Amino acid sequence: MVLQMTLYEFNLLDEMEQHEALWEHGVMVGDRIEGEHKIILYQVFSFYVELYYNVEHNVLRRLRSFSSTECLDAYLQQFSIKDLDFLDKR
């Protein structure tokens, strides 16, 4: 059982092992559409992984991993501060 993994360690895994780590430890945090791809964002330990899924051909095209929060900007428009219930419960 893996208790922690770095982005570097994840990138050293082969494609099958990366997918297994993603399914076992990843938490979906968002998605977006870009052209013909639905891109699904997961957080895995302290980094992020995007799955590029081609909707038209029903196939996974690529996986992109990163740790920079700047890469999350494309997902920020999905959330509004008003949507966060916990702020109303203070």
N, C-alpha and C. Protein backbone atom coordinates (compact mmCIF):
# COMPACT_ATOMS: atom_id res chain seq x y z
N MET A 1 0.84 -1.18 0.00
CA MET A 1 0.00 0.00 0.00
C MET A 1 0.88 1.25 0.00
N VAL A 2 0.60 2.18 -0.89
CA VAL A 2 1.36 3.42 -1.01
C VAL A 2 0.74 4.46 -0.07
N LEU A 3 1.56 5.04 0.80
CA LEU A 3 1.06 6.06 1.72
C LEU A 3 1.32 7.47 1.22
N GLN A 4 2.29 7.62 0.33
CA GLN A 4 2.64 8.91 -0.23
C GLN A 4 3.40 8.67 -1.53
N MET A 5 3.31 9.61 -2.43
CA MET A 5 4.03 9.52 -3.69
C MET A 5 4.28 10.94 -4.16
N THR A 6 5.45 11.18 -4.68
CA THR A 6 5.76 12.50 -5.23
C THR A 6 5.41 12.52 -6.72
N LEU A 7 5.36 13.71 -7.27
CA LEU A 7 5.13 13.86 -8.70
C LEU A 7 6.24 13.15 -9.48
N TYR A 8 7.47 13.31 -9.02
CA TYR A 8 8.61 12.67 -9.68
C TYR A 8 8.43 11.15 -9.69
N GLU A 9 8.05 10.57 -8.55
CA GLU A 9 7.84 9.12 -8.47
C GLU A 9 6.70 8.68 -9.39
N PHE A 10 5.64 9.47 -9.44
CA PHE A 10 4.52 9.16 -10.32
C PHE A 10 4.96 9.14 -11.77
N ASN A 11 5.76 10.13 -12.17
CA ASN A 11 6.21 10.22 -13.55
C ASN A 11 7.17 9.10 -13.93
N LEU A 12 7.80 8.46 -12.96
CA LEU A 12 8.68 7.33 -13.24
C LEU A 12 7.91 6.03 -13.50
N LEU A 13 6.64 5.99 -13.11
CA LEU A 13 5.82 4.80 -13.32
C LEU A 13 5.49 4.63 -14.79
N ASP A 14 5.28 3.38 -15.21
CA ASP A 14 4.82 3.18 -16.59
C ASP A 14 3.34 3.56 -16.66
N GLU A 15 2.81 3.64 -17.87
CA GLU A 15 1.45 4.13 -18.08
C GLU A 15 0.41 3.35 -17.28
N MET A 16 0.51 2.05 -17.25
CA MET A 16 -0.45 1.22 -16.51
C MET A 16 -0.38 1.52 -15.01
N GLU A 17 0.83 1.64 -14.48
CA GLU A 17 1.00 1.93 -13.06
C GLU A 17 0.49 3.34 -12.71
N GLN A 18 0.66 4.28 -13.63
CA GLN A 18 0.12 5.63 -13.40
C GLN A 18 -1.40 5.59 -13.31
N HIS A 19 -2.03 4.85 -14.20
CA HIS A 19 -3.49 4.74 -14.16
C HIS A 19 -3.95 4.06 -12.88
N GLU A 20 -3.25 3.03 -12.44
CA GLU A 20 -3.60 2.35 -11.20
C GLU A 20 -3.46 3.29 -10.00
N ALA A 21 -2.38 4.07 -9.96
CA ALA A 21 -2.18 5.03 -8.86
C ALA A 21 -3.27 6.09 -8.88
N LEU A 22 -3.65 6.52 -10.06
CA LEU A 22 -4.70 7.53 -10.19
C LEU A 22 -6.03 7.00 -9.66
N TRP A 23 -6.41 5.80 -10.05
CA TRP A 23 -7.69 5.24 -9.62
C TRP A 23 -7.69 4.94 -8.12
N GLU A 24 -6.55 4.53 -7.60
CA GLU A 24 -6.47 4.16 -6.18
C GLU A 24 -6.38 5.37 -5.26
N HIS A 25 -5.65 6.40 -5.67
CA HIS A 25 -5.35 7.52 -4.78
C HIS A 25 -5.90 8.86 -5.24
N GLY A 26 -6.44 8.94 -6.45
CA GLY A 26 -6.89 10.20 -6.99
C GLY A 26 -8.29 10.58 -6.54
N VAL A 27 -8.49 11.88 -6.42
CA VAL A 27 -9.82 12.44 -6.10
C VAL A 27 -10.16 13.43 -7.21
N MET A 28 -11.29 13.19 -7.88
CA MET A 28 -11.69 14.10 -8.96
C MET A 28 -12.07 15.45 -8.36
N VAL A 29 -11.49 16.51 -8.92
CA VAL A 29 -11.77 17.85 -8.40
C VAL A 29 -12.37 18.78 -9.45
N GLY A 30 -12.44 18.36 -10.69
CA GLY A 30 -13.04 19.21 -11.71
C GLY A 30 -12.94 18.60 -13.09
N ASP A 31 -13.60 19.24 -14.02
CA ASP A 31 -13.48 18.84 -15.42
C ASP A 31 -13.78 20.05 -16.29
N ARG A 32 -13.41 19.94 -17.54
CA ARG A 32 -13.64 21.01 -18.50
C ARG A 32 -13.62 20.42 -19.90
N ILE A 33 -14.15 21.18 -20.83
CA ILE A 33 -14.15 20.78 -22.24
C ILE A 33 -13.16 21.67 -22.98
N GLU A 34 -12.33 21.06 -23.79
CA GLU A 34 -11.39 21.79 -24.64
C GLU A 34 -11.37 21.11 -26.00
N GLY A 35 -12.00 21.75 -26.95
CA GLY A 35 -12.09 21.15 -28.29
C GLY A 35 -12.85 19.85 -28.23
N GLU A 36 -12.25 18.79 -28.74
CA GLU A 36 -12.91 17.48 -28.76
C GLU A 36 -12.63 16.66 -27.50
N HIS A 37 -11.95 17.26 -26.52
CA HIS A 37 -11.58 16.53 -25.30
C HIS A 37 -12.34 17.00 -24.07
N LYS A 38 -12.74 16.04 -23.26
CA LYS A 38 -13.18 16.33 -21.91
C LYS A 38 -11.95 16.06 -21.04
N ILE A 39 -11.56 17.05 -20.27
CA ILE A 39 -10.36 16.94 -19.45
C ILE A 39 -10.82 16.84 -18.00
N ILE A 40 -10.44 15.76 -17.35
CA ILE A 40 -10.86 15.50 -15.98
C ILE A 40 -9.65 15.68 -15.07
N LEU A 41 -9.82 16.53 -14.04
CA LEU A 41 -8.73 16.85 -13.13
C LEU A 41 -8.86 16.06 -11.84
N TYR A 42 -7.75 15.44 -11.45
CA TYR A 42 -7.67 14.69 -10.19
C TYR A 42 -6.55 15.26 -9.33
N GLN A 43 -6.74 15.22 -8.03
CA GLN A 43 -5.64 15.49 -7.11
C GLN A 43 -5.17 14.13 -6.61
N VAL A 44 -3.86 13.93 -6.66
CA VAL A 44 -3.24 12.69 -6.20
C VAL A 44 -2.12 13.10 -5.25
N PHE A 45 -2.30 12.82 -3.97
CA PHE A 45 -1.35 13.27 -2.95
C PHE A 45 -1.14 14.77 -3.08
N SER A 46 0.06 15.23 -3.37
CA SER A 46 0.34 16.68 -3.41
C SER A 46 0.48 17.21 -4.84
N PHE A 47 -0.02 16.49 -5.83
CA PHE A 47 0.06 16.93 -7.22
C PHE A 47 -1.26 16.65 -7.93
N TYR A 48 -1.32 17.04 -9.19
CA TYR A 48 -2.54 16.94 -9.98
C TYR A 48 -2.29 16.13 -11.25
N VAL A 49 -3.36 15.51 -11.73
CA VAL A 49 -3.29 14.74 -12.97
C VAL A 49 -4.53 15.08 -13.79
N GLU A 50 -4.31 15.39 -15.06
CA GLU A 50 -5.41 15.60 -15.99
C GLU A 50 -5.49 14.41 -16.94
N LEU A 51 -6.69 13.91 -17.13
CA LEU A 51 -6.94 12.87 -18.14
C LEU A 51 -7.64 13.54 -19.31
N TYR A 52 -7.08 13.38 -20.49
CA TYR A 52 -7.66 13.93 -21.72
C TYR A 52 -8.45 12.82 -22.40
N TYR A 53 -9.75 12.96 -22.37
CA TYR A 53 -10.65 11.94 -22.90
C TYR A 53 -11.31 12.47 -24.17
N ASN A 54 -11.12 11.75 -25.28
CA ASN A 54 -11.74 12.14 -26.55
C ASN A 54 -13.16 11.59 -26.56
N VAL A 55 -14.12 12.51 -26.45
CA VAL A 55 -15.53 12.12 -26.36
C VAL A 55 -16.02 11.48 -27.65
N GLU A 56 -15.63 12.05 -28.78
CA GLU A 56 -16.11 11.55 -30.08
C GLU A 56 -15.66 10.10 -30.33
N HIS A 57 -14.43 9.79 -30.01
CA HIS A 57 -13.90 8.45 -30.27
C HIS A 57 -13.92 7.54 -29.05
N ASN A 58 -14.43 8.08 -27.91
CA ASN A 58 -14.57 7.28 -26.69
C ASN A 58 -13.25 6.62 -26.28
N VAL A 59 -12.19 7.45 -26.22
CA VAL A 59 -10.87 6.90 -25.91
C VAL A 59 -10.08 7.91 -25.06
N LEU A 60 -9.28 7.39 -24.18
CA LEU A 60 -8.38 8.21 -23.38
C LEU A 60 -7.17 8.54 -24.23
N ARG A 61 -6.89 9.82 -24.42
CA ARG A 61 -5.82 10.24 -25.31
C ARG A 61 -4.49 10.47 -24.61
N ARG A 62 -4.54 11.07 -23.41
CA ARG A 62 -3.28 11.32 -22.72
C ARG A 62 -3.52 11.65 -21.26
N LEU A 63 -2.44 11.64 -20.52
CA LEU A 63 -2.44 11.94 -19.11
C LEU A 63 -1.37 13.01 -18.90
N ARG A 64 -1.68 14.04 -18.12
CA ARG A 64 -0.72 15.11 -17.84
C ARG A 64 -0.67 15.33 -16.34
N SER A 65 0.52 15.27 -15.77
CA SER A 65 0.68 15.48 -14.33
C SER A 65 1.47 16.75 -14.08
N PHE A 66 1.14 17.42 -12.97
CA PHE A 66 1.81 18.68 -12.64
C PHE A 66 1.58 19.01 -11.17
N SER A 67 2.40 19.91 -10.65
CA SER A 67 2.23 20.35 -9.26
C SER A 67 1.95 21.84 -9.17
N SER A 68 2.14 22.57 -10.23
CA SER A 68 1.95 24.02 -10.23
C SER A 68 0.47 24.37 -10.13
N THR A 69 0.13 25.22 -9.17
CA THR A 69 -1.26 25.64 -9.03
C THR A 69 -1.67 26.58 -10.16
N GLU A 70 -0.73 27.15 -10.87
CA GLU A 70 -1.05 28.00 -12.02
C GLU A 70 -1.81 27.21 -13.08
N CYS A 71 -1.53 25.93 -13.18
CA CYS A 71 -2.21 25.08 -14.16
C CYS A 71 -3.67 24.85 -13.81
N LEU A 72 -4.09 25.25 -12.62
CA LEU A 72 -5.47 25.07 -12.19
C LEU A 72 -6.38 26.21 -12.63
N ASP A 73 -5.80 27.28 -13.18
CA ASP A 73 -6.57 28.46 -13.56
C ASP A 73 -7.76 28.12 -14.46
N ALA A 74 -7.60 27.16 -15.34
CA ALA A 74 -8.68 26.80 -16.27
C ALA A 74 -9.90 26.23 -15.54
N TYR A 75 -9.73 25.80 -14.30
CA TYR A 75 -10.82 25.21 -13.53
C TYR A 75 -11.47 26.21 -12.58
N LEU A 76 -10.81 27.31 -12.29
CA LEU A 76 -11.30 28.25 -11.28
C LEU A 76 -12.61 28.89 -11.66
N GLN A 77 -12.89 29.06 -12.93
CA GLN A 77 -14.14 29.66 -13.36
C GLN A 77 -15.35 28.78 -13.04
N GLN A 78 -15.13 27.52 -12.72
CA GLN A 78 -16.22 26.60 -12.39
C GLN A 78 -16.79 26.85 -11.00
N PHE A 79 -16.04 27.55 -10.15
CA PHE A 79 -16.43 27.71 -8.76
C PHE A 79 -16.74 29.17 -8.44
N SER A 80 -17.70 29.37 -7.61
CA SER A 80 -18.04 30.69 -7.11
C SER A 80 -17.94 30.64 -5.60
N ILE A 81 -17.47 31.70 -5.00
CA ILE A 81 -17.36 31.75 -3.55
C ILE A 81 -18.73 31.56 -2.90
N LYS A 82 -19.80 31.95 -3.60
CA LYS A 82 -21.16 31.78 -3.07
C LYS A 82 -21.55 30.31 -2.98
N ASP A 83 -20.89 29.46 -3.76
CA ASP A 83 -21.22 28.04 -3.76
C ASP A 83 -20.65 27.29 -2.57
N LEU A 84 -19.80 27.92 -1.80
CA LEU A 84 -19.15 27.26 -0.69
C LEU A 84 -20.02 27.38 0.57
N ASP A 85 -20.76 26.33 0.89
CA ASP A 85 -21.70 26.31 2.00
C ASP A 85 -21.05 26.61 3.34
N PHE A 86 -19.84 26.15 3.54
CA PHE A 86 -19.23 26.27 4.85
C PHE A 86 -19.05 27.73 5.27
N LEU A 87 -19.01 28.66 4.33
CA LEU A 87 -18.86 30.07 4.69
C LEU A 87 -20.14 30.60 5.34
N ASP A 88 -21.29 30.06 4.98
CA ASP A 88 -22.56 30.50 5.53
C ASP A 88 -22.80 29.94 6.93
N LYS A 89 -22.01 28.97 7.35
CA LYS A 89 -22.23 28.28 8.63
C LYS A 89 -21.32 28.78 9.73
N ARG A 90 -20.71 29.94 9.54
CA ARG A 90 -19.83 30.49 10.57
C ARG A 90 -20.59 30.96 11.78
